[in-house]
């Protein structure tokens, strides 16, 4: 029992991938990582930080301000529908980029937990992870709001179009795919190649996840750092990435679709 607990707290680094020692290869990997996150979630983290600073400089407290996640992007609904789909495609491409770059360097999908042979177990594990994260996460959100540390997050302000629910589900899946592939599978693998320890890589990954949620306030940052620590450690110990994608999708579907359906019918949803 003690050995198992220690394995979760201080896991051993796996044999693969090997640490890259050639200076030229290391520089190439560093440039790659910087470029990937400069055009994806790292840039989102910077924008999120600036958004939080803007909110803090306003006269209203954070708890009186609102931020919407899935918003209308055009007055004409079919154009809006098309623009929503382009956002989903972008998210899928972000995750695909991380998986492709790993594959190009000899680290195939199976080696980062994207093998397709364990779907029943992956779905079950994903559902459990969603419950473990979702219920406490909702409590943390309300606590942060009560303390004035978070904005009022509106998961969707899309109109009642026929395509709203499918788009929100696709958006949830796209977010899950992009974040888990890039922040867990891709980044933690590259940090292993740089020789980082499992715990230091885990903290870096979790802080990055929290950074691009700063626009929600300090509660959003803390909640997502905690989620990142749990998700990252699960991957480090199991080498399964699909459960994280499943769990993240379920969490976002409940938030996006549930909010859209209940808004206007439940008093505390604004």
Protein backbone atom coordinates (compact mmCIF):
# COMPACT_ATOMS: atom_id res chain seq x y z
CA UNK A 1 0.00 0.00 0.00
CA UNK A 2 2.78 2.41 0.99
CA UNK A 3 4.66 1.63 -2.24
CA UNK A 4 1.52 2.30 -4.31
CA UNK A 5 0.92 5.67 -2.63
CA UNK A 6 4.56 6.61 -3.15
CA UNK A 7 4.19 5.66 -6.81
CA UNK A 8 1.41 8.23 -7.20
CA UNK A 9 3.24 10.94 -5.23
CA UNK A 10 6.73 10.37 -6.64
CA UNK A 11 6.34 8.34 -9.84
CA UNK A 12 9.31 6.87 -11.66
CA UNK A 13 10.16 8.30 -15.04
CA UNK A 14 9.45 5.75 -17.80
CA UNK A 15 12.25 4.44 -20.01
CA UNK A 16 10.66 6.00 -23.11
CA UNK A 17 11.05 8.56 -24.44
CA UNK A 18 14.76 8.85 -23.85
CA UNK A 19 16.25 12.14 -22.70
CA UNK A 20 17.57 14.14 -25.65
CA UNK A 21 21.17 15.09 -24.98
CA UNK A 22 22.33 16.38 -28.36
CA UNK A 23 22.43 20.22 -28.11
CA UNK A 24 21.14 20.72 -31.63
CA UNK A 25 18.19 18.37 -31.10
CA UNK A 26 17.37 20.01 -27.79
CA UNK A 27 17.34 23.46 -29.40
CA UNK A 28 15.08 22.13 -32.14
CA UNK A 29 12.64 20.67 -29.60
CA UNK A 30 12.67 23.91 -27.59
CA UNK A 31 11.84 25.97 -30.67
CA UNK A 32 9.09 23.50 -31.56
CA UNK A 33 7.49 23.68 -28.10
CA UNK A 34 7.64 27.47 -28.05
CA UNK A 35 6.09 27.73 -31.51
CA UNK A 36 3.33 25.22 -30.73
CA UNK A 37 2.22 27.04 -27.60
CA UNK A 38 2.76 30.49 -29.12
CA UNK A 39 0.00 29.75 -31.62
CA UNK A 40 -2.23 27.65 -29.35
CA UNK A 41 -2.82 27.52 -25.61
CA UNK A 42 0.23 29.50 -24.49
CA UNK A 43 -1.04 32.52 -26.42
CA UNK A 44 -4.48 31.87 -24.93
CA UNK A 45 -2.84 32.01 -21.48
CA UNK A 46 -1.34 35.44 -22.21
CA UNK A 47 -4.64 36.76 -23.53
CA UNK A 48 -6.39 35.35 -20.48
CA UNK A 49 -3.97 37.10 -18.13
CA UNK A 50 -4.53 40.41 -19.91
CA UNK A 51 -8.29 39.86 -19.73
CA UNK A 52 -8.09 39.30 -15.96
CA UNK A 53 -5.98 42.44 -15.51
CA UNK A 54 -8.60 44.40 -17.46
CA UNK A 55 -11.35 43.02 -15.23
CA UNK A 56 -9.40 43.89 -12.07
CA UNK A 57 -8.96 47.49 -13.24
CA UNK A 58 -12.70 48.00 -13.64
CA UNK A 59 -14.69 49.64 -10.87
CA UNK A 60 -17.00 46.65 -10.50
CA UNK A 61 -15.84 43.69 -8.37
CA UNK A 62 -15.10 40.47 -10.23
CA UNK A 63 -18.23 38.77 -8.90
CA UNK A 64 -20.40 41.45 -10.59
CA UNK A 65 -18.76 40.98 -13.99
CA UNK A 66 -19.61 38.28 -16.52
CA UNK A 67 -17.72 36.39 -19.19
CA UNK A 68 -19.35 34.21 -21.87
CA UNK A 69 -17.64 31.20 -23.42
CA UNK A 70 -19.72 30.17 -26.44
CA UNK A 71 -21.05 33.33 -28.04
CA UNK A 72 -22.73 34.23 -31.30
CA UNK A 73 -20.26 35.31 -33.99
CA UNK A 74 -22.57 36.55 -36.75
CA UNK A 75 -26.01 38.08 -37.13
CA UNK A 76 -27.07 35.56 -39.79
CA UNK A 77 -27.58 32.22 -38.09
CA UNK A 78 -26.21 29.98 -40.86
CA UNK A 79 -23.04 32.07 -40.99
CA UNK A 80 -22.90 31.91 -37.20
CA UNK A 81 -23.26 28.12 -37.44
CA UNK A 82 -20.38 27.95 -39.94
CA UNK A 83 -18.18 30.15 -37.76
CA UNK A 84 -18.88 27.95 -34.73
CA UNK A 85 -17.77 24.92 -36.73
CA UNK A 86 -14.54 26.66 -37.79
CA UNK A 87 -13.75 27.10 -34.11
CA UNK A 88 -14.22 23.38 -33.54
CA UNK A 89 -12.00 22.59 -36.53
CA UNK A 90 -9.29 24.85 -35.12
CA UNK A 91 -9.37 23.02 -31.78
CA UNK A 92 -9.17 19.64 -33.51
CA UNK A 93 -6.22 20.90 -35.57
CA UNK A 94 -4.40 22.13 -32.44
CA UNK A 95 -4.59 18.70 -30.85
CA UNK A 96 -3.77 17.04 -34.16
CA UNK A 97 -0.66 19.20 -34.46
CA UNK A 98 0.66 17.99 -31.11
CA UNK A 99 -0.05 14.34 -31.95
CA UNK A 100 1.51 14.73 -35.41
CA UNK A 101 4.72 16.31 -34.11
CA UNK A 102 5.12 13.51 -31.58
CA UNK A 103 4.54 10.94 -34.34
CA UNK A 104 7.10 12.67 -36.58
CA UNK A 105 9.69 12.28 -33.82
CA UNK A 106 8.98 8.56 -33.43
CA UNK A 107 6.45 8.75 -30.59
CA UNK A 108 3.27 7.27 -32.02
CA UNK A 109 -0.27 7.67 -30.64
CA UNK A 110 -0.13 4.39 -28.69
CA UNK A 111 2.95 5.57 -26.76
CA UNK A 112 1.07 8.60 -25.38
CA UNK A 113 -2.15 6.74 -24.58
CA UNK A 114 -4.11 7.32 -27.77
CA UNK A 115 -4.32 3.67 -28.77
CA UNK A 116 -7.82 2.55 -29.74
CA UNK A 117 -8.01 -0.91 -28.15
CA UNK A 118 -9.35 -0.11 -24.65
CA UNK A 119 -12.47 1.95 -25.25
CA UNK A 120 -14.77 0.36 -22.61
CA UNK A 121 -12.21 0.89 -19.84
CA UNK A 122 -11.29 4.35 -21.11
CA UNK A 123 -14.93 5.44 -21.16
CA UNK A 124 -15.47 4.15 -17.63
CA UNK A 125 -12.35 5.81 -16.31
CA UNK A 126 -13.32 9.04 -18.03
CA UNK A 127 -16.76 9.03 -16.40
CA UNK A 128 -15.21 8.49 -12.96
CA UNK A 129 -12.69 11.29 -13.52
CA UNK A 130 -15.48 13.63 -14.63
CA UNK A 131 -17.35 12.98 -11.39
CA UNK A 132 -14.20 13.40 -9.28
CA UNK A 133 -13.43 16.76 -10.90
CA UNK A 134 -16.92 18.07 -11.64
CA UNK A 135 -18.66 17.99 -8.27
CA UNK A 136 -15.85 19.61 -6.20
CA UNK A 137 -15.14 21.96 -9.10
CA UNK A 138 -18.68 23.34 -9.00
CA UNK A 139 -18.33 23.92 -5.28
CA UNK A 140 -15.03 25.74 -5.81
CA UNK A 141 -16.65 27.96 -8.45
CA UNK A 142 -19.43 29.04 -6.08
CA UNK A 143 -16.94 29.58 -3.24
CA UNK A 144 -14.73 31.77 -5.46
CA UNK A 145 -17.78 33.78 -6.52
CA UNK A 146 -18.90 34.23 -2.92
CA UNK A 147 -15.41 35.49 -2.03
CA UNK A 148 -15.42 37.88 -4.99
CA UNK A 149 -12.53 36.08 -6.71
CA UNK A 150 -14.31 34.96 -9.86
CA UNK A 151 -16.37 36.42 -12.67
CA UNK A 152 -19.83 35.10 -13.42
CA UNK A 153 -19.10 32.51 -16.11
CA UNK A 154 -21.79 32.03 -18.78
CA UNK A 155 -20.95 28.77 -20.61
CA UNK A 156 -23.19 29.69 -23.55
CA UNK A 157 -25.11 32.70 -24.81
CA UNK A 158 -26.01 31.18 -28.18
CA UNK A 159 -29.57 31.68 -29.34
CA UNK A 160 -32.10 28.85 -29.46
CA UNK A 161 -31.10 27.67 -32.94
CA UNK A 162 -31.59 24.10 -34.13
CA UNK A 163 -27.82 23.64 -34.19
CA UNK A 164 -27.06 24.99 -30.71
CA UNK A 165 -26.86 21.68 -28.83
CA UNK A 166 -24.81 19.82 -31.50
CA UNK A 167 -22.39 22.75 -31.74
CA UNK A 168 -21.96 22.91 -27.97
CA UNK A 169 -21.24 19.17 -27.84
CA UNK A 170 -18.72 19.49 -30.67
CA UNK A 171 -17.14 22.48 -28.95
CA UNK A 172 -16.83 20.47 -25.73
CA UNK A 173 -15.16 17.60 -27.58
CA UNK A 174 -12.86 19.98 -29.46
CA UNK A 175 -11.75 21.72 -26.28
CA UNK A 176 -11.12 18.38 -24.59
CA UNK A 177 -9.10 17.01 -27.50
CA UNK A 178 -6.95 20.13 -27.91
CA UNK A 179 -6.21 20.65 -24.24
CA UNK A 180 -5.51 17.07 -23.22
CA UNK A 181 -3.35 16.25 -26.25
CA UNK A 182 -1.31 19.47 -26.03
CA UNK A 183 -1.07 20.12 -22.29
CA UNK A 184 -0.75 16.50 -21.17
CA UNK A 185 0.31 14.15 -23.96
CA UNK A 186 2.49 16.53 -25.96
CA UNK A 187 3.94 18.84 -23.30
CA UNK A 188 4.69 16.21 -20.66
CA UNK A 189 6.33 14.00 -23.27
CA UNK A 190 8.54 16.82 -24.49
CA UNK A 191 9.47 17.77 -20.91
CA UNK A 192 10.52 14.17 -20.30
CA UNK A 193 12.78 14.44 -23.35
CA UNK A 194 14.32 17.56 -21.81
CA UNK A 195 15.06 15.56 -18.66
CA UNK A 196 12.46 17.13 -16.41
CA UNK A 197 11.26 15.10 -13.44
CA UNK A 198 7.69 13.84 -13.32
CA UNK A 199 6.62 16.27 -10.60
CA UNK A 200 8.21 19.36 -12.12
CA UNK A 201 6.66 18.56 -15.50
CA UNK A 202 3.30 17.98 -13.83
CA UNK A 203 3.36 21.37 -12.11
CA UNK A 204 4.34 23.15 -15.34
CA UNK A 205 1.52 21.46 -17.24
CA UNK A 206 -1.04 22.26 -14.54
CA UNK A 207 -0.01 25.93 -14.31
CA UNK A 208 -0.26 26.26 -18.08
CA UNK A 209 -3.79 24.78 -17.93
CA UNK A 210 -4.72 27.25 -15.22
CA UNK A 211 -3.22 30.20 -17.12
CA UNK A 212 -5.60 30.10 -20.06
CA UNK A 213 -8.55 30.05 -17.66
CA UNK A 214 -7.47 33.23 -15.85
CA UNK A 215 -10.12 35.21 -17.73
CA UNK A 216 -12.64 33.52 -15.40
CA UNK A 217 -10.88 34.88 -12.31
CA UNK A 218 -8.68 33.38 -9.61
CA UNK A 219 -11.12 30.58 -8.90
CA UNK A 220 -10.97 29.45 -12.52
CA UNK A 221 -7.19 29.44 -12.34
CA UNK A 222 -6.99 27.44 -9.11
CA UNK A 223 -9.69 24.98 -10.14
CA UNK A 224 -7.98 24.22 -13.44
CA UNK A 225 -4.55 23.89 -11.82
CA UNK A 226 -6.03 21.25 -9.52
CA UNK A 227 -7.67 19.55 -12.50
CA UNK A 228 -4.33 19.65 -14.30
CA UNK A 229 -2.53 18.02 -11.38
CA UNK A 230 -5.07 15.19 -11.23
CA UNK A 231 -5.28 14.66 -14.98
CA UNK A 232 -1.53 14.88 -15.49
CA UNK A 233 -0.75 12.42 -12.71
CA UNK A 234 -3.38 10.00 -14.03
CA UNK A 235 -1.66 10.06 -17.42
CA UNK A 236 1.81 9.70 -15.92
CA UNK A 237 0.69 6.63 -13.96
CA UNK A 238 -1.53 4.94 -16.57
CA UNK A 239 -0.24 6.28 -19.90
CA UNK A 240 -3.88 6.55 -21.06
CA UNK A 241 -4.94 9.85 -22.64
CA UNK A 242 -8.42 8.92 -23.88
CA UNK A 243 -9.95 8.90 -20.35
CA UNK A 244 -8.86 12.52 -19.96
CA UNK A 245 -10.43 13.48 -23.29
CA UNK A 246 -13.65 11.66 -22.31
CA UNK A 247 -13.76 13.24 -18.83
CA UNK A 248 -13.08 16.74 -20.15
CA UNK A 249 -15.73 16.32 -22.85
CA UNK A 250 -18.33 15.20 -20.30
CA UNK A 251 -17.54 18.13 -18.01
CA UNK A 252 -17.87 20.67 -20.81
CA UNK A 253 -21.01 19.07 -22.26
CA UNK A 254 -22.71 19.28 -18.86
CA UNK A 255 -21.58 22.89 -18.44
CA UNK A 256 -22.33 24.11 -21.98
CA UNK A 257 -25.53 22.23 -22.78
CA UNK A 258 -26.88 22.22 -19.22
CA UNK A 259 -26.46 25.97 -18.91
CA UNK A 260 -28.03 26.62 -22.31
CA UNK A 261 -31.08 24.52 -21.47
CA UNK A 262 -31.56 25.76 -17.90
CA UNK A 263 -30.78 29.45 -18.35
CA UNK A 264 -33.94 31.45 -17.80
CA UNK A 265 -35.58 28.59 -15.92
CA UNK A 266 -33.28 28.43 -12.87
CA UNK A 267 -32.97 31.58 -10.83
CA UNK A 268 -29.27 31.43 -9.95
CA UNK A 269 -28.19 31.02 -13.58
CA UNK A 270 -27.61 34.45 -15.10
